[in-house]
PDB file of N, CA and C in Angstrom:
ATOM      1  N   MET A   1     -13.409  65.008  -5.183  1.00  0.00           N
ATOM      2  CA  MET A   1     -13.697  63.866  -6.018  1.00  0.00           C
ATOM      3  C   MET A   1     -13.133  62.661  -5.424  1.00  0.00           C
ATOM      4  N   GLN A   2     -11.983  62.674  -4.850  1.00  0.00           N
ATOM      5  CA  GLN A   2     -11.358  61.531  -4.249  1.00  0.00           C
ATOM      6  C   GLN A   2     -12.215  61.044  -3.013  1.00  0.00           C
ATOM      7  N   THR A   3     -12.802  62.002  -2.292  1.00  0.00           N
ATOM      8  CA  THR A   3     -13.553  61.604  -1.152  1.00  0.00           C
ATOM      9  C   THR A   3     -14.908  61.028  -1.593  1.00  0.00           C
ATOM     10  N   ALA A   4     -15.434  61.461  -2.732  1.00  0.00           N
ATOM     11  CA  ALA A   4     -16.647  60.894  -3.282  1.00  0.00           C
ATOM     12  C   ALA A   4     -16.416  59.416  -3.667  1.00  0.00           C
ATOM     13  N   PHE A   5     -15.268  59.139  -4.277  1.00  0.00           N
ATOM     14  CA  PHE A   5     -14.993  57.726  -4.580  1.00  0.00           C
ATOM     15  C   PHE A   5     -14.971  56.961  -3.336  1.00  0.00           C
ATOM     16  N   ALA A   6     -14.326  57.411  -2.281  1.00  0.00           N
ATOM     17  CA  ALA A   6     -14.141  56.611  -1.040  1.00  0.00           C
ATOM     18  C   ALA A   6     -15.517  56.426  -0.377  1.00  0.00           C
ATOM     19  N   VAL A   7     -16.392  57.446  -0.383  1.00  0.00           N
ATOM     20  CA  VAL A   7     -17.667  57.341   0.238  1.00  0.00           C
ATOM     21  C   VAL A   7     -18.541  56.346  -0.467  1.00  0.00           C
ATOM     22  N   VAL A   8     -18.479  56.321  -1.795  1.00  0.00           N
ATOM     23  CA  VAL A   8     -19.304  55.292  -2.516  1.00  0.00           C
ATOM     24  C   VAL A   8     -18.676  53.944  -2.550  1.00  0.00           C
ATOM     25  N   ALA A   9     -17.340  53.845  -2.708  1.00  0.00           N
ATOM     26  CA  ALA A   9     -16.639  52.625  -2.821  1.00  0.00           C
ATOM     27  C   ALA A   9     -16.560  51.747  -1.613  1.00  0.00           C
ATOM     28  N   LEU A  10     -16.495  52.390  -0.411  1.00  0.00           N
ATOM     29  CA  LEU A  10     -16.401  51.564   0.804  1.00  0.00           C
ATOM     30  C   LEU A  10     -17.685  50.822   1.033  1.00  0.00           C
ATOM     31  N   PRO A  11     -18.872  51.389   0.946  1.00  0.00           N
ATOM     32  CA  PRO A  11     -20.042  50.545   1.136  1.00  0.00           C
ATOM     33  C   PRO A  11     -20.200  49.440   0.019  1.00  0.00           C
ATOM     34  N   VAL A  12     -19.856  49.829  -1.233  1.00  0.00           N
ATOM     35  CA  VAL A  12     -19.932  48.886  -2.302  1.00  0.00           C
ATOM     36  C   VAL A  12     -19.062  47.718  -2.030  1.00  0.00           C
ATOM     37  N   GLY A  13     -17.804  47.951  -1.664  1.00  0.00           N
ATOM     38  CA  GLY A  13     -16.872  46.828  -1.394  1.00  0.00           C
ATOM     39  C   GLY A  13     -17.382  46.051  -0.156  1.00  0.00           C
ATOM     40  N   LEU A  14     -17.857  46.649   0.757  1.00  0.00           N
ATOM     41  CA  LEU A  14     -18.368  45.833   1.953  1.00  0.00           C
ATOM     42  C   LEU A  14     -19.611  45.023   1.612  1.00  0.00           C
ATOM     43  N   VAL A  15     -20.449  45.529   0.793  1.00  0.00           N
ATOM     44  CA  VAL A  15     -21.555  44.805   0.276  1.00  0.00           C
ATOM     45  C   VAL A  15     -21.131  43.574  -0.590  1.00  0.00           C
ATOM     46  N   LEU A  16     -20.109  43.766  -1.450  1.00  0.00           N
ATOM     47  CA  LEU A  16     -19.632  42.680  -2.203  1.00  0.00           C
ATOM     48  C   LEU A  16     -19.016  41.577  -1.310  1.00  0.00           C
ATOM     49  N   VAL A  17     -18.263  41.992  -0.320  1.00  0.00           N
ATOM     50  CA  VAL A  17     -17.686  40.970   0.591  1.00  0.00           C
ATOM     51  C   VAL A  17     -18.841  40.254   1.323  1.00  0.00           C
ATOM     52  N   ALA A  18     -19.829  41.023   1.828  1.00  0.00           N
ATOM     53  CA  ALA A  18     -21.004  40.397   2.497  1.00  0.00           C
ATOM     54  C   ALA A  18     -21.729  39.416   1.610  1.00  0.00           C
ATOM     55  N   VAL A  19     -21.963  39.800   0.351  1.00  0.00           N
ATOM     56  CA  VAL A  19     -22.626  38.870  -0.567  1.00  0.00           C
ATOM     57  C   VAL A  19     -21.862  37.581  -0.706  1.00  0.00           C
ATOM     58  N   SER A  20     -20.537  37.735  -0.853  1.00  0.00           N
ATOM     59  CA  SER A  20     -19.651  36.580  -1.021  1.00  0.00           C
ATOM     60  C   SER A  20     -19.731  35.673   0.217  1.00  0.00           C
ATOM     61  N   VAL A  21     -19.603  36.285   1.371  1.00  0.00           N
ATOM     62  CA  VAL A  21     -19.587  35.517   2.669  1.00  0.00           C
ATOM     63  C   VAL A  21     -20.924  34.835   2.847  1.00  0.00           C
ATOM     64  N   VAL A  22     -22.006  35.473   2.592  1.00  0.00           N
ATOM     65  CA  VAL A  22     -23.350  34.898   2.799  1.00  0.00           C
ATOM     66  C   VAL A  22     -23.533  33.745   1.794  1.00  0.00           C
ATOM     67  N   THR A  23     -23.166  33.955   0.563  1.00  0.00           N
ATOM     68  CA  THR A  23     -23.256  32.964  -0.480  1.00  0.00           C
ATOM     69  C   THR A  23     -22.449  31.730  -0.093  1.00  0.00           C
ATOM     70  N   ALA A  24     -21.243  31.928   0.371  1.00  0.00           N
ATOM     71  CA  ALA A  24     -20.407  30.800   0.823  1.00  0.00           C
ATOM     72  C   ALA A  24     -21.005  30.071   1.998  1.00  0.00           C
ATOM     73  N   ALA A  25     -21.577  30.837   2.920  1.00  0.00           N
ATOM     74  CA  ALA A  25     -22.172  30.205   4.078  1.00  0.00           C
ATOM     75  C   ALA A  25     -23.450  29.417   3.732  1.00  0.00           C
ATOM     76  N   LEU A  26     -24.159  29.840   2.780  1.00  0.00           N
ATOM     77  CA  LEU A  26     -25.457  29.202   2.467  1.00  0.00           C
ATOM     78  C   LEU A  26     -25.278  28.112   1.413  1.00  0.00           C
ATOM     79  N   TYR A  27     -24.325  28.154   0.583  1.00  0.00           N
ATOM     80  CA  TYR A  27     -24.217  27.151  -0.508  1.00  0.00           C
ATOM     81  C   TYR A  27     -23.034  26.202  -0.202  1.00  0.00           C
ATOM     82  N   THR A  28     -23.251  24.978  -0.239  1.00  0.00           N
ATOM     83  CA  THR A  28     -22.258  23.974  -0.176  1.00  0.00           C
ATOM     84  C   THR A  28     -22.287  23.153  -1.407  1.00  0.00           C
ATOM     85  N   PRO A  29     -21.204  23.149  -2.226  1.00  0.00           N
ATOM     86  CA  PRO A  29     -21.177  22.311  -3.407  1.00  0.00           C
ATOM     87  C   PRO A  29     -20.987  20.893  -3.049  1.00  0.00           C
ATOM     88  N   TYR A  30     -21.801  19.993  -3.706  1.00  0.00           N
ATOM     89  CA  TYR A  30     -21.836  18.617  -3.391  1.00  0.00           C
ATOM     90  C   TYR A  30     -21.264  17.798  -4.610  1.00  0.00           C
ATOM     91  N   THR A  31     -21.297  18.274  -5.782  1.00  0.00           N
ATOM     92  CA  THR A  31     -20.815  17.602  -6.949  1.00  0.00           C
ATOM     93  C   THR A  31     -19.784  18.560  -7.650  1.00  0.00           C
ATOM     94  N   THR A  32     -19.367  18.033  -8.812  1.00  0.00           N
ATOM     95  CA  THR A  32     -18.418  18.869  -9.734  1.00  0.00           C
ATOM     96  C   THR A  32     -19.229  19.379 -10.903  1.00  0.00           C
ATOM     97  N   SER A  33     -20.441  19.755 -10.687  1.00  0.00           N
ATOM     98  CA  SER A  33     -21.257  20.307 -11.870  1.00  0.00           C
ATOM     99  C   SER A  33     -20.784  21.717 -12.242  1.00  0.00           C
ATOM    100  N   ARG A  34     -21.305  22.138 -13.392  1.00  0.00           N
ATOM    101  CA  ARG A  34     -21.005  23.454 -13.859  1.00  0.00           C
ATOM    102  C   ARG A  34     -21.673  24.485 -12.924  1.00  0.00           C
ATOM    103  N   VAL A  35     -22.744  24.235 -12.351  1.00  0.00           N
ATOM    104  CA  VAL A  35     -23.440  25.204 -11.434  1.00  0.00           C
ATOM    105  C   VAL A  35     -22.583  25.386 -10.256  1.00  0.00           C
ATOM    106  N   ASP A  36     -22.055  24.334  -9.665  1.00  0.00           N
ATOM    107  CA  ASP A  36     -21.165  24.389  -8.508  1.00  0.00           C
ATOM    108  C   ASP A  36     -19.940  25.206  -8.828  1.00  0.00           C
ATOM    109  N   THR A  37     -19.348  24.976 -10.030  1.00  0.00           N
ATOM    110  CA  THR A  37     -18.193  25.683 -10.422  1.00  0.00           C
ATOM    111  C   THR A  37     -18.503  27.176 -10.576  1.00  0.00           C
ATOM    112  N   ALA A  38     -19.571  27.455 -11.186  1.00  0.00           N
ATOM    113  CA  ALA A  38     -19.975  28.875 -11.378  1.00  0.00           C
ATOM    114  C   ALA A  38     -20.190  29.585 -10.118  1.00  0.00           C
ATOM    115  N   ILE A  39     -20.910  28.894  -9.144  1.00  0.00           N
ATOM    116  CA  ILE A  39     -21.178  29.581  -7.907  1.00  0.00           C
ATOM    117  C   ILE A  39     -19.882  29.779  -7.080  1.00  0.00           C
ATOM    118  N   THR A  40     -18.973  28.773  -7.144  1.00  0.00           N
ATOM    119  CA  THR A  40     -17.715  28.965  -6.438  1.00  0.00           C
ATOM    120  C   THR A  40     -16.923  30.020  -7.090  1.00  0.00           C
ATOM    121  N   ALA A  41     -16.935  30.175  -8.406  1.00  0.00           N
ATOM    122  CA  ALA A  41     -16.186  31.311  -9.075  1.00  0.00           C
ATOM    123  C   ALA A  41     -16.885  32.611  -8.708  1.00  0.00           C
ATOM    124  N   PHE A  42     -18.147  32.696  -8.639  1.00  0.00           N
ATOM    125  CA  PHE A  42     -18.866  33.896  -8.172  1.00  0.00           C
ATOM    126  C   PHE A  42     -18.423  34.328  -6.814  1.00  0.00           C
ATOM    127  N   ILE A  43     -18.313  33.358  -5.926  1.00  0.00           N
ATOM    128  CA  ILE A  43     -17.882  33.643  -4.496  1.00  0.00           C
ATOM    129  C   ILE A  43     -16.499  34.230  -4.529  1.00  0.00           C
ATOM    130  N   GLY A  44     -15.588  33.508  -5.280  1.00  0.00           N
ATOM    131  CA  GLY A  44     -14.189  34.052  -5.380  1.00  0.00           C
ATOM    132  C   GLY A  44     -14.092  35.426  -5.921  1.00  0.00           C
ATOM    133  N   VAL A  45     -14.725  35.718  -7.023  1.00  0.00           N
ATOM    134  CA  VAL A  45     -14.613  36.930  -7.739  1.00  0.00           C
ATOM    135  C   VAL A  45     -15.185  38.052  -6.877  1.00  0.00           C
ATOM    136  N   THR A  46     -16.438  37.872  -6.286  1.00  0.00           N
ATOM    137  CA  THR A  46     -16.982  38.904  -5.445  1.00  0.00           C
ATOM    138  C   THR A  46     -16.181  39.185  -4.229  1.00  0.00           C
ATOM    139  N   LEU A  47     -15.579  38.140  -3.635  1.00  0.00           N
ATOM    140  CA  LEU A  47     -14.657  38.376  -2.481  1.00  0.00           C
ATOM    141  C   LEU A  47     -13.454  39.130  -2.846  1.00  0.00           C
ATOM    142  N   GLN A  48     -12.826  38.768  -3.945  1.00  0.00           N
ATOM    143  CA  GLN A  48     -11.642  39.514  -4.375  1.00  0.00           C
ATOM    144  C   GLN A  48     -11.963  41.011  -4.746  1.00  0.00           C
ATOM    145  N   LEU A  49     -13.005  41.141  -5.483  1.00  0.00           N
ATOM    146  CA  LEU A  49     -13.315  42.560  -5.882  1.00  0.00           C
ATOM    147  C   LEU A  49     -13.816  43.386  -4.692  1.00  0.00           C
ATOM    148  N   GLY A  50     -14.574  42.775  -3.855  1.00  0.00           N
ATOM    149  CA  GLY A  50     -14.996  43.526  -2.663  1.00  0.00           C
ATOM    150  C   GLY A  50     -13.818  43.894  -1.780  1.00  0.00           C
ATOM    151  N   SER A  51     -12.897  43.023  -1.580  1.00  0.00           N
ATOM    152  CA  SER A  51     -11.770  43.326  -0.775  1.00  0.00           C
ATOM    153  C   SER A  51     -10.927  44.411  -1.373  1.00  0.00           C
ATOM    154  N   LEU A  52     -10.743  44.347  -2.705  1.00  0.00           N
ATOM    155  CA  LEU A  52      -9.906  45.364  -3.377  1.00  0.00           C
ATOM    156  C   LEU A  52     -10.588  46.723  -3.304  1.00  0.00           C
ATOM    157  N   VAL A  53     -11.849  46.764  -3.556  1.00  0.00           N
ATOM    158  CA  VAL A  53     -12.562  48.118  -3.458  1.00  0.00           C
ATOM    159  C   VAL A  53     -12.603  48.618  -2.097  1.00  0.00           C
ATOM    160  N   ALA A  54     -12.984  47.790  -1.122  1.00  0.00           N
ATOM    161  CA  ALA A  54     -13.103  48.308   0.303  1.00  0.00           C
ATOM    162  C   ALA A  54     -11.689  48.746   0.786  1.00  0.00           C
ATOM    163  N   THR A  55     -10.638  48.004   0.538  1.00  0.00           N
ATOM    164  CA  THR A  55      -9.388  48.338   0.931  1.00  0.00           C
ATOM    165  C   THR A  55      -8.875  49.533   0.299  1.00  0.00           C
ATOM    166  N   SER A  56      -9.031  49.766  -0.967  1.00  0.00           N
ATOM    167  CA  SER A  56      -8.635  50.979  -1.648  1.00  0.00           C
ATOM    168  C   SER A  56      -9.366  52.142  -1.102  1.00  0.00           C
ATOM    169  N   ALA A  57     -10.636  52.024  -0.776  1.00  0.00           N
ATOM    170  CA  ALA A  57     -11.390  53.207  -0.212  1.00  0.00           C
ATOM    171  C   ALA A  57     -10.892  53.499   1.138  1.00  0.00           C
ATOM    172  N   ALA A  58     -10.624  52.437   1.948  1.00  0.00           N
ATOM    173  CA  ALA A  58     -10.099  52.729   3.331  1.00  0.00           C
ATOM    174  C   ALA A  58      -8.810  53.349   3.344  1.00  0.00           C
ATOM    175  N   VAL A  59      -7.935  52.935   2.357  1.00  0.00           N
ATOM    176  CA  VAL A  59      -6.600  53.573   2.221  1.00  0.00           C
ATOM    177  C   VAL A  59      -6.718  55.036   1.798  1.00  0.00           C
ATOM    178  N   LEU A  60      -7.695  55.321   0.941  1.00  0.00           N
ATOM    179  CA  LEU A  60      -7.943  56.687   0.454  1.00  0.00           C
ATOM    180  C   LEU A  60      -8.405  57.559   1.629  1.00  0.00           C
ATOM    181  N   PHE A  61      -9.277  57.004   2.511  1.00  0.00           N
ATOM    182  CA  PHE A  61      -9.650  57.726   3.677  1.00  0.00           C
ATOM    183  C   PHE A  61      -8.496  58.086   4.593  1.00  0.00           C
ATOM    184  N   VAL A  62      -7.715  57.027   4.802  1.00  0.00           N
ATOM    185  CA  VAL A  62      -6.566  57.226   5.728  1.00  0.00           C
ATOM    186  C   VAL A  62      -5.563  58.283   5.215  1.00  0.00           C
ATOM    187  N   PHE A  63      -5.106  58.060   3.949  1.00  0.00           N
ATOM    188  CA  PHE A  63      -4.183  58.980   3.335  1.00  0.00           C
ATOM    189  C   PHE A  63      -4.770  60.324   3.062  1.00  0.00           C
ATOM    190  N   GLY A  64      -6.084  60.375   2.786  1.00  0.00           N
ATOM    191  CA  GLY A  64      -6.655  61.697   2.602  1.00  0.00           C
ATOM    192  C   GLY A  64      -6.808  62.525   3.864  1.00  0.00           C
ATOM    193  N   SER A  65      -6.902  61.872   4.991  1.00  0.00           N
ATOM    194  CA  SER A  65      -7.016  62.548   6.221  1.00  0.00           C
ATOM    195  C   SER A  65      -5.579  62.986   6.734  1.00  0.00           C
ATOM    196  N   LEU A  66      -4.531  62.473   6.223  1.00  0.00           N
ATOM    197  CA  LEU A  66      -3.196  62.889   6.590  1.00  0.00           C
ATOM    198  C   LEU A  66      -2.797  64.196   5.998  1.00  0.00           C
ATOM    199  N   GLY A  67      -3.396  64.546   4.817  1.00  0.00           N
ATOM    200  CA  GLY A  67      -2.906  65.772   4.082  1.00  0.00           C
ATOM    201  C   GLY A  67      -3.779  66.863   4.276  1.00  0.00           C
TER     202      GLY A  67
END
């Protein structure tokens, strides 16, 4: 069960990070509108969640292989 989480979570986390990076690379906020704020928040949330999920899956792989 733990390996199933890691196998699914690692690609999901990496996709979230990739979406965040691509969005940040393609979108440049020019004003302080609500759309700019929402997109900036989306970038931050997806980057944080993607990093958390990918890192936890990688740690599970590493510690799972030790035992």
